[in-house]
Amino acid sequence: MKLHYRGLSYESHSENIETIETGVTGIFRGQTYQIRRPLVEACSQPHMNLKYRGIAYTVNPTSAIKPQISQKNNGNNPAFG
């Protein structure tokens, strides 16, 4: 599709995404519609090394902090025998 913005023309290349129905119906301004989700999950963002005010840090949106539960018995909990 050819578009124009502030006197400059450019081509828009939209990507078609295959979707499937979820079986969930939504209502917006009185109109009902079927909610769909992508057939293929979107690819994750790349691992990035960033710097803020001279301090380096990394961003990995796919990993989350997982809670770690200690399984050792300290004598206070009979469930751990």
PDB file of N, CA and C in Angstrom:
ATOM      1  N   MET A   1       0.843  -1.151   0.000  1.00  0.00           N
ATOM      2  CA  MET A   1       0.000   0.000   0.000  1.00  0.00           C
ATOM      3  C   MET A   1       0.903   1.233   0.000  1.00  0.00           C
ATOM      4  N   LYS A   2       0.604   2.179  -0.842  1.00  0.00           N
ATOM      5  CA  LYS A   2       1.393   3.399  -0.934  1.00  0.00           C
ATOM      6  C   LYS A   2       0.781   4.455  -0.021  1.00  0.00           C
ATOM      7  N   LEU A   3       1.595   5.021   0.862  1.00  0.00           N
ATOM      8  CA  LEU A   3       1.144   6.010   1.824  1.00  0.00           C
ATOM      9  C   LEU A   3       1.938   7.298   1.668  1.00  0.00           C
ATOM     10  N   HIS A   4       1.362   8.388   2.174  1.00  0.00           N
ATOM     11  CA  HIS A   4       2.027   9.693   2.138  1.00  0.00           C
ATOM     12  C   HIS A   4       1.957  10.310   3.525  1.00  0.00           C
ATOM     13  N   TYR A   5       3.072  10.896   3.955  1.00  0.00           N
ATOM     14  CA  TYR A   5       3.111  11.609   5.227  1.00  0.00           C
ATOM     15  C   TYR A   5       4.021  12.810   5.082  1.00  0.00           C
ATOM     16  N   ARG A   6       3.485  13.997   5.313  1.00  0.00           N
ATOM     17  CA  ARG A   6       4.216  15.262   5.207  1.00  0.00           C
ATOM     18  C   ARG A   6       4.957  15.387   3.881  1.00  0.00           C
ATOM     19  N   GLY A   7       4.285  15.024   2.821  1.00  0.00           N
ATOM     20  CA  GLY A   7       4.844  15.173   1.488  1.00  0.00           C
ATOM     21  C   GLY A   7       5.760  14.059   1.046  1.00  0.00           C
ATOM     22  N   LEU A   8       6.056  13.107   1.917  1.00  0.00           N
ATOM     23  CA  LEU A   8       6.907  11.976   1.551  1.00  0.00           C
ATOM     24  C   LEU A   8       6.040  10.751   1.321  1.00  0.00           C
ATOM     25  N   SER A   9       6.362  10.002   0.298  1.00  0.00           N
ATOM     26  CA  SER A   9       5.604   8.778   0.041  1.00  0.00           C
ATOM     27  C   SER A   9       6.453   7.569   0.411  1.00  0.00           C
ATOM     28  N   TYR A  10       5.785   6.546   0.875  1.00  0.00           N
ATOM     29  CA  TYR A  10       6.472   5.304   1.228  1.00  0.00           C
ATOM     30  C   TYR A  10       5.516   4.144   1.060  1.00  0.00           C
ATOM     31  N   GLU A  11       6.070   2.950   1.032  1.00  0.00           N
ATOM     32  CA  GLU A  11       5.288   1.728   0.882  1.00  0.00           C
ATOM     33  C   GLU A  11       5.092   1.081   2.245  1.00  0.00           C
ATOM     34  N   SER A  12       3.898   0.646   2.509  1.00  0.00           N
ATOM     35  CA  SER A  12       3.603  -0.086   3.728  1.00  0.00           C
ATOM     36  C   SER A  12       3.533  -1.567   3.397  1.00  0.00           C
ATOM     37  N   HIS A  13       4.255  -2.357   4.152  1.00  0.00           N
ATOM     38  CA  HIS A  13       4.252  -3.805   3.947  1.00  0.00           C
ATOM     39  C   HIS A  13       3.656  -4.449   5.196  1.00  0.00           C
ATOM     40  N   SER A  14       2.356  -4.651   5.174  1.00  0.00           N
ATOM     41  CA  SER A  14       1.714  -5.264   6.326  1.00  0.00           C
ATOM     42  C   SER A  14       1.867  -6.777   6.248  1.00  0.00           C
ATOM     43  N   GLU A  15       1.911  -7.371   7.418  1.00  0.00           N
ATOM     44  CA  GLU A  15       2.117  -8.802   7.522  1.00  0.00           C
ATOM     45  C   GLU A  15       0.796  -9.470   7.887  1.00  0.00           C
ATOM     46  N   ASN A  16       0.411 -10.494   7.153  1.00  0.00           N
ATOM     47  CA  ASN A  16      -0.803 -11.233   7.479  1.00  0.00           C
ATOM     48  C   ASN A  16      -0.482 -12.265   8.547  1.00  0.00           C
ATOM     49  N   ILE A  17      -1.287 -12.285   9.587  1.00  0.00           N
ATOM     50  CA  ILE A  17      -1.090 -13.214  10.690  1.00  0.00           C
ATOM     51  C   ILE A  17      -2.252 -14.190  10.701  1.00  0.00           C
ATOM     52  N   GLU A  18      -1.940 -15.476  10.641  1.00  0.00           N
ATOM     53  CA  GLU A  18      -2.989 -16.495  10.699  1.00  0.00           C
ATOM     54  C   GLU A  18      -3.482 -16.611  12.134  1.00  0.00           C
ATOM     55  N   THR A  19      -4.809 -16.646  12.304  1.00  0.00           N
ATOM     56  CA  THR A  19      -5.399 -16.731  13.629  1.00  0.00           C
ATOM     57  C   THR A  19      -6.388 -17.881  13.699  1.00  0.00           C
ATOM     58  N   ILE A  20      -6.708 -18.284  14.927  1.00  0.00           N
ATOM     59  CA  ILE A  20      -7.740 -19.294  15.160  1.00  0.00           C
ATOM     60  C   ILE A  20      -8.699 -18.738  16.217  1.00  0.00           C
ATOM     61  N   GLU A  21      -9.924 -19.227  16.191  1.00  0.00           N
ATOM     62  CA  GLU A  21     -10.920 -18.775  17.159  1.00  0.00           C
ATOM     63  C   GLU A  21     -10.642 -19.389  18.521  1.00  0.00           C
ATOM     64  N   THR A  22     -10.917 -18.618  19.571  1.00  0.00           N
ATOM     65  CA  THR A  22     -10.713 -19.105  20.932  1.00  0.00           C
ATOM     66  C   THR A  22     -12.007 -19.591  21.565  1.00  0.00           C
ATOM     67  N   GLY A  23     -13.138 -19.295  20.940  1.00  0.00           N
ATOM     68  CA  GLY A  23     -14.421 -19.660  21.525  1.00  0.00           C
ATOM     69  C   GLY A  23     -14.912 -18.636  22.537  1.00  0.00           C
ATOM     70  N   VAL A  24     -14.182 -17.541  22.692  1.00  0.00           N
ATOM     71  CA  VAL A  24     -14.551 -16.485  23.629  1.00  0.00           C
ATOM     72  C   VAL A  24     -15.187 -15.350  22.842  1.00  0.00           C
ATOM     73  N   THR A  25     -16.314 -14.860  23.343  1.00  0.00           N
ATOM     74  CA  THR A  25     -17.016 -13.764  22.695  1.00  0.00           C
ATOM     75  C   THR A  25     -16.859 -12.510  23.534  1.00  0.00           C
ATOM     76  N   GLY A  26     -16.581 -11.401  22.881  1.00  0.00           N
ATOM     77  CA  GLY A  26     -16.460 -10.119  23.562  1.00  0.00           C
ATOM     78  C   GLY A  26     -17.550  -9.176  23.109  1.00  0.00           C
ATOM     79  N   ILE A  27     -17.782  -8.145  23.905  1.00  0.00           N
ATOM     80  CA  ILE A  27     -18.750  -7.110  23.551  1.00  0.00           C
ATOM     81  C   ILE A  27     -18.053  -5.767  23.685  1.00  0.00           C
ATOM     82  N   PHE A  28     -18.115  -4.959  22.633  1.00  0.00           N
ATOM     83  CA  PHE A  28     -17.541  -3.622  22.645  1.00  0.00           C
ATOM     84  C   PHE A  28     -18.544  -2.667  22.033  1.00  0.00           C
ATOM     85  N   ARG A  29     -18.971  -1.674  22.808  1.00  0.00           N
ATOM     86  CA  ARG A  29     -19.959  -0.686  22.378  1.00  0.00           C
ATOM     87  C   ARG A  29     -21.212  -1.336  21.800  1.00  0.00           C
ATOM     88  N   GLY A  30     -21.651  -2.400  22.445  1.00  0.00           N
ATOM     89  CA  GLY A  30     -22.878  -3.061  22.039  1.00  0.00           C
ATOM     90  C   GLY A  30     -22.727  -4.073  20.922  1.00  0.00           C
ATOM     91  N   GLN A  31     -21.553  -4.195  20.341  1.00  0.00           N
ATOM     92  CA  GLN A  31     -21.331  -5.148  19.249  1.00  0.00           C
ATOM     93  C   GLN A  31     -20.564  -6.353  19.781  1.00  0.00           C
ATOM     94  N   THR A  32     -21.041  -7.547  19.462  1.00  0.00           N
ATOM     95  CA  THR A  32     -20.331  -8.753  19.872  1.00  0.00           C
ATOM     96  C   THR A  32     -19.324  -9.146  18.797  1.00  0.00           C
ATOM     97  N   TYR A  33     -18.249  -9.758  19.231  1.00  0.00           N
ATOM     98  CA  TYR A  33     -17.220 -10.220  18.299  1.00  0.00           C
ATOM     99  C   TYR A  33     -16.529 -11.448  18.877  1.00  0.00           C
ATOM    100  N   GLN A  34     -15.938 -12.234  18.018  1.00  0.00           N
ATOM    101  CA  GLN A  34     -15.202 -13.425  18.409  1.00  0.00           C
ATOM    102  C   GLN A  34     -13.737 -13.058  18.630  1.00  0.00           C
ATOM    103  N   ILE A  35     -13.199 -13.463  19.759  1.00  0.00           N
ATOM    104  CA  ILE A  35     -11.794 -13.197  20.051  1.00  0.00           C
ATOM    105  C   ILE A  35     -10.958 -14.293  19.407  1.00  0.00           C
ATOM    106  N   ARG A  36      -9.929 -13.881  18.704  1.00  0.00           N
ATOM    107  CA  ARG A  36      -9.050 -14.807  18.004  1.00  0.00           C
ATOM    108  C   ARG A  36      -7.641 -14.656  18.558  1.00  0.00           C
ATOM    109  N   ARG A  37      -6.831 -15.706  18.409  1.00  0.00           N
ATOM    110  CA  ARG A  37      -5.434 -15.629  18.827  1.00  0.00           C
ATOM    111  C   ARG A  37      -4.552 -16.080  17.677  1.00  0.00           C
ATOM    112  N   PRO A  38      -3.286 -15.685  17.673  1.00  0.00           N
ATOM    113  CA  PRO A  38      -2.393 -16.083  16.583  1.00  0.00           C
ATOM    114  C   PRO A  38      -2.196 -17.594  16.546  1.00  0.00           C
ATOM    115  N   LEU A  39      -2.111 -18.141  15.357  1.00  0.00           N
ATOM    116  CA  LEU A  39      -1.871 -19.568  15.190  1.00  0.00           C
ATOM    117  C   LEU A  39      -0.468 -19.926  15.644  1.00  0.00           C
ATOM    118  N   VAL A  40       0.497 -19.078  15.339  1.00  0.00           N
ATOM    119  CA  VAL A  40       1.887 -19.285  15.735  1.00  0.00           C
ATOM    120  C   VAL A  40       2.242 -18.210  16.745  1.00  0.00           C
ATOM    121  N   GLU A  41       2.852 -18.616  17.860  1.00  0.00           N
ATOM    122  CA  GLU A  41       3.245 -17.651  18.875  1.00  0.00           C
ATOM    123  C   GLU A  41       4.316 -16.720  18.325  1.00  0.00           C
ATOM    124  N   ALA A  42       4.258 -15.481  18.744  1.00  0.00           N
ATOM    125  CA  ALA A  42       5.249 -14.493  18.301  1.00  0.00           C
ATOM    126  C   ALA A  42       6.622 -14.870  18.838  1.00  0.00           C
ATOM    127  N   CYS A  43       7.644 -14.574  18.071  1.00  0.00           N
ATOM    128  CA  CYS A  43       9.000 -14.891  18.516  1.00  0.00           C
ATOM    129  C   CYS A  43       9.387 -13.954  19.653  1.00  0.00           C
ATOM    130  N   SER A  44      10.215 -14.451  20.534  1.00  0.00           N
ATOM    131  CA  SER A  44      10.616 -13.663  21.687  1.00  0.00           C
ATOM    132  C   SER A  44      11.646 -12.611  21.305  1.00  0.00           C
ATOM    133  N   GLN A  45      11.754 -11.627  22.152  1.00  0.00           N
ATOM    134  CA  GLN A  45      12.717 -10.560  21.935  1.00  0.00           C
ATOM    135  C   GLN A  45      14.126 -11.086  22.194  1.00  0.00           C
ATOM    136  N   PRO A  46      15.119 -10.569  21.487  1.00  0.00           N
ATOM    137  CA  PRO A  46      16.489 -11.029  21.705  1.00  0.00           C
ATOM    138  C   PRO A  46      17.023 -10.583  23.060  1.00  0.00           C
ATOM    139  N   HIS A  47      17.996 -11.331  23.556  1.00  0.00           N
ATOM    140  CA  HIS A  47      18.676 -10.987  24.794  1.00  0.00           C
ATOM    141  C   HIS A  47      19.480  -9.716  24.548  1.00  0.00           C
ATOM    142  N   MET A  48      19.308  -8.710  25.373  1.00  0.00           N
ATOM    143  CA  MET A  48      19.956  -7.422  25.122  1.00  0.00           C
ATOM    144  C   MET A  48      20.852  -7.028  26.285  1.00  0.00           C
ATOM    145  N   ASN A  49      21.997  -6.460  25.963  1.00  0.00           N
ATOM    146  CA  ASN A  49      22.886  -5.880  26.967  1.00  0.00           C
ATOM    147  C   ASN A  49      22.709  -4.371  26.901  1.00  0.00           C
ATOM    148  N   LEU A  50      22.282  -3.778  28.005  1.00  0.00           N
ATOM    149  CA  LEU A  50      21.984  -2.356  28.037  1.00  0.00           C
ATOM    150  C   LEU A  50      22.819  -1.668  29.105  1.00  0.00           C
ATOM    151  N   LYS A  51      22.836  -0.350  29.059  1.00  0.00           N
ATOM    152  CA  LYS A  51      23.571   0.424  30.043  1.00  0.00           C
ATOM    153  C   LYS A  51      22.717   1.622  30.435  1.00  0.00           C
ATOM    154  N   TYR A  52      22.569   1.854  31.746  1.00  0.00           N
ATOM    155  CA  TYR A  52      21.824   2.990  32.257  1.00  0.00           C
ATOM    156  C   TYR A  52      22.695   3.716  33.264  1.00  0.00           C
ATOM    157  N   ARG A  53      23.002   4.961  32.980  1.00  0.00           N
ATOM    158  CA  ARG A  53      23.854   5.789  33.837  1.00  0.00           C
ATOM    159  C   ARG A  53      25.160   5.084  34.182  1.00  0.00           C
ATOM    160  N   GLY A  54      25.732   4.418  33.185  1.00  0.00           N
ATOM    161  CA  GLY A  54      27.028   3.778  33.359  1.00  0.00           C
ATOM    162  C   GLY A  54      26.979   2.391  33.960  1.00  0.00           C
ATOM    163  N   ILE A  55      25.808   1.909  34.350  1.00  0.00           N
ATOM    164  CA  ILE A  55      25.669   0.580  34.935  1.00  0.00           C
ATOM    165  C   ILE A  55      25.106  -0.357  33.878  1.00  0.00           C
ATOM    166  N   ALA A  56      25.833  -1.444  33.605  1.00  0.00           N
ATOM    167  CA  ALA A  56      25.386  -2.407  32.604  1.00  0.00           C
ATOM    168  C   ALA A  56      24.347  -3.345  33.209  1.00  0.00           C
ATOM    169  N   TYR A  57      23.341  -3.671  32.419  1.00  0.00           N
ATOM    170  CA  TYR A  57      22.341  -4.651  32.835  1.00  0.00           C
ATOM    171  C   TYR A  57      21.820  -5.364  31.606  1.00  0.00           C
ATOM    172  N   THR A  58      21.173  -6.495  31.812  1.00  0.00           N
ATOM    173  CA  THR A  58      20.640  -7.268  30.697  1.00  0.00           C
ATOM    174  C   THR A  58      19.137  -7.382  30.842  1.00  0.00           C
ATOM    175  N   VAL A  59      18.485  -7.534  29.720  1.00  0.00           N
ATOM    176  CA  VAL A  59      17.036  -7.706  29.682  1.00  0.00           C
ATOM    177  C   VAL A  59      16.757  -8.984  28.928  1.00  0.00           C
ATOM    178  N   ASN A  60      16.065  -9.889  29.560  1.00  0.00           N
ATOM    179  CA  ASN A  60      15.649 -11.125  28.924  1.00  0.00           C
ATOM    180  C   ASN A  60      14.184 -11.326  29.267  1.00  0.00           C
ATOM    181  N   PRO A  61      13.252 -10.846  28.419  1.00  0.00           N
ATOM    182  CA  PRO A  61      11.834 -10.858  28.771  1.00  0.00           C
ATOM    183  C   PRO A  61      11.218 -12.244  28.894  1.00  0.00           C
ATOM    184  N   THR A  62      11.885 -13.287  28.379  1.00  0.00           N
ATOM    185  CA  THR A  62      11.286 -14.614  28.441  1.00  0.00           C
ATOM    186  C   THR A  62      11.556 -15.304  29.762  1.00  0.00           C
ATOM    187  N   SER A  63      12.551 -14.857  30.505  1.00  0.00           N
ATOM    188  CA  SER A  63      12.838 -15.506  31.776  1.00  0.00           C
ATOM    189  C   SER A  63      12.180 -14.727  32.900  1.00  0.00           C
ATOM    190  N   ALA A  64      11.758 -15.436  33.887  1.00  0.00           N
ATOM    191  CA  ALA A  64      11.152 -14.806  35.053  1.00  0.00           C
ATOM    192  C   ALA A  64      11.836 -15.356  36.291  1.00  0.00           C
ATOM    193  N   ILE A  65      11.770 -14.616  37.367  1.00  0.00           N
ATOM    194  CA  ILE A  65      12.357 -15.086  38.614  1.00  0.00           C
ATOM    195  C   ILE A  65      11.460 -16.184  39.157  1.00  0.00           C
ATOM    196  N   LYS A  66      12.056 -17.341  39.388  1.00  0.00           N
ATOM    197  CA  LYS A  66      11.296 -18.466  39.910  1.00  0.00           C
ATOM    198  C   LYS A  66      11.566 -18.588  41.404  1.00  0.00           C
ATOM    199  N   PRO A  67      10.527 -18.722  42.202  1.00  0.00           N
ATOM    200  CA  PRO A  67      10.750 -18.857  43.638  1.00  0.00           C
ATOM    201  C   PRO A  67      11.432 -20.177  43.953  1.00  0.00           C
ATOM    202  N   GLN A  68      12.345 -20.136  44.891  1.00  0.00           N
ATOM    203  CA  GLN A  68      13.023 -21.348  45.316  1.00  0.00           C
ATOM    204  C   GLN A  68      12.587 -21.653  46.731  1.00  0.00           C
ATOM    205  N   ILE A  69      12.120 -22.873  46.942  1.00  0.00           N
ATOM    206  CA  ILE A  69      11.632 -23.289  48.245  1.00  0.00           C
ATOM    207  C   ILE A  69      12.638 -24.264  48.829  1.00  0.00           C
ATOM    208  N   SER A  70      13.079 -23.970  50.019  1.00  0.00           N
ATOM    209  CA  SER A  70      14.034 -24.845  50.682  1.00  0.00           C
ATOM    210  C   SER A  70      13.312 -26.095  51.155  1.00  0.00           C
ATOM    211  N   GLN A  71      13.875 -27.271  50.867  1.00  0.00           N
ATOM    212  CA  GLN A  71      13.254 -28.536  51.233  1.00  0.00           C
ATOM    213  C   GLN A  71      13.899 -29.164  52.468  1.00  0.00           C
ATOM    214  N   LYS A  72      14.876 -28.505  53.075  1.00  0.00           N
ATOM    215  CA  LYS A  72      15.533 -29.122  54.222  1.00  0.00           C
ATOM    216  C   LYS A  72      14.700 -28.942  55.486  1.00  0.00           C
ATOM    217  N   ASN A  73      14.801 -29.896  56.382  1.00  0.00           N
ATOM    218  CA  ASN A  73      14.037 -29.899  57.619  1.00  0.00           C
ATOM    219  C   ASN A  73      14.862 -29.218  58.698  1.00  0.00           C
ATOM    220  N   ASN A  74      14.308 -28.179  59.285  1.00  0.00           N
ATOM    221  CA  ASN A  74      14.998 -27.510  60.385  1.00  0.00           C
ATOM    222  C   ASN A  74      14.399 -27.909  61.731  1.00  0.00           C
ATOM    223  N   GLY A  75      13.547 -28.935  61.739  1.00  0.00           N
ATOM    224  CA  GLY A  75      12.957 -29.430  62.971  1.00  0.00           C
ATOM    225  C   GLY A  75      11.661 -28.750  63.350  1.00  0.00           C
ATOM    226  N   ASN A  76      11.298 -27.670  62.690  1.00  0.00           N
ATOM    227  CA  ASN A  76      10.086 -26.937  63.044  1.00  0.00           C
ATOM    228  C   ASN A  76       8.864 -27.383  62.258  1.00  0.00           C
ATOM    229  N   ASN A  77       9.057 -28.058  61.140  1.00  0.00           N
ATOM    230  CA  ASN A  77       7.943 -28.432  60.284  1.00  0.00           C
ATOM    231  C   ASN A  77       7.852 -29.953  60.201  1.00  0.00           C
ATOM    232  N   PRO A  78       6.816 -30.563  60.790  1.00  0.00           N
ATOM    233  CA  PRO A  78       6.704 -32.028  60.763  1.00  0.00           C
ATOM    234  C   PRO A  78       6.413 -32.585  59.371  1.00  0.00           C
ATOM    235  N   ALA A  79       6.008 -31.753  58.429  1.00  0.00           N
ATOM    236  CA  ALA A  79       5.701 -32.244  57.085  1.00  0.00           C
ATOM    237  C   ALA A  79       6.949 -32.742  56.377  1.00  0.00           C
ATOM    238  N   PHE A  80       8.116 -32.245  56.770  1.00  0.00           N
ATOM    239  CA  PHE A  80       9.359 -32.667  56.133  1.00  0.00           C
ATOM    240  C   PHE A  80      10.039 -33.798  56.899  1.00  0.00           C
ATOM    241  N   GLY A  81       9.361 -34.346  57.905  1.00  0.00           N
ATOM    242  CA  GLY A  81       9.773 -35.514  58.645  1.00  0.00           C
ATOM    243  C   GLY A  81      11.164 -35.581  58.990  1.00  0.00           C
TER     244      GLY A  81
END
